[in-house]
Amino acid sequence: MVNHFGLLAFLVIIPGLAFAFTPPPNDGFLTDGAEILSTEEELSIENMLQQYAQDTGTEIAVIIVSNVGNDSIEDAAKVIAERWRIGVDSEERGAVLLFSYEDRDLFMVIGDGLQGVVTPDIAQGIIARDMIPSFRKGRYAEGIQDGAMSMMKHISGEYTSERYEPFSPSSLSIWMASI
């Protein structure tokens, strides 16, 4: 009986491990592992993010993956932030924006050096109001650029948290269900 239990545990545990999220290789400030952007769109966004990092010392990384497997989008984004060390050289002034294309899910990880500037409410507002409207129309590059620009403007102080008031986080789940 013990042998059967061991085999059962092996069969239950191993399939779960096979679907664990593996971060894509770091391909710069924009990594499109799902291949949804054109070469021109990729270059435009990469150049914008690279120039911003050079000008401000703040790094914003955008990662697009096909899916995150059995992991949550939050866990996958945190794994990327830890492994890629975004913003570490600049006092953790960095952010990771992960878009899981097949899962229709987005999540932002904000480095400690930006937490007072880009709060969870602001991050949700950027995703819901600045990115999702373009994503709904299939204009992913536009949504990413708009989201990155909003983050940059919040970090510089040009935008404030009032920009997203009142904000209802339920609009995020509505987007995920409607696409």
Foldseek 3Di string as FASTA:
>chain_A
DVVVVVVVVCVVPVVLVVQAFDDDPDPAQEAAQVPLDDPVLVVVVRVVQVVLCVVPVAHEHEYEHQARGPDDQVVNQVVCCVVVVGSVVPVQRYKYWYAHNNQRDIDMDGGPVCCVQCPPLNLLQLCLPQALVCVVVVNRSRSVVRSVVSVVCSSVVVDHSVVCPPDDSVSSVVSSVPD
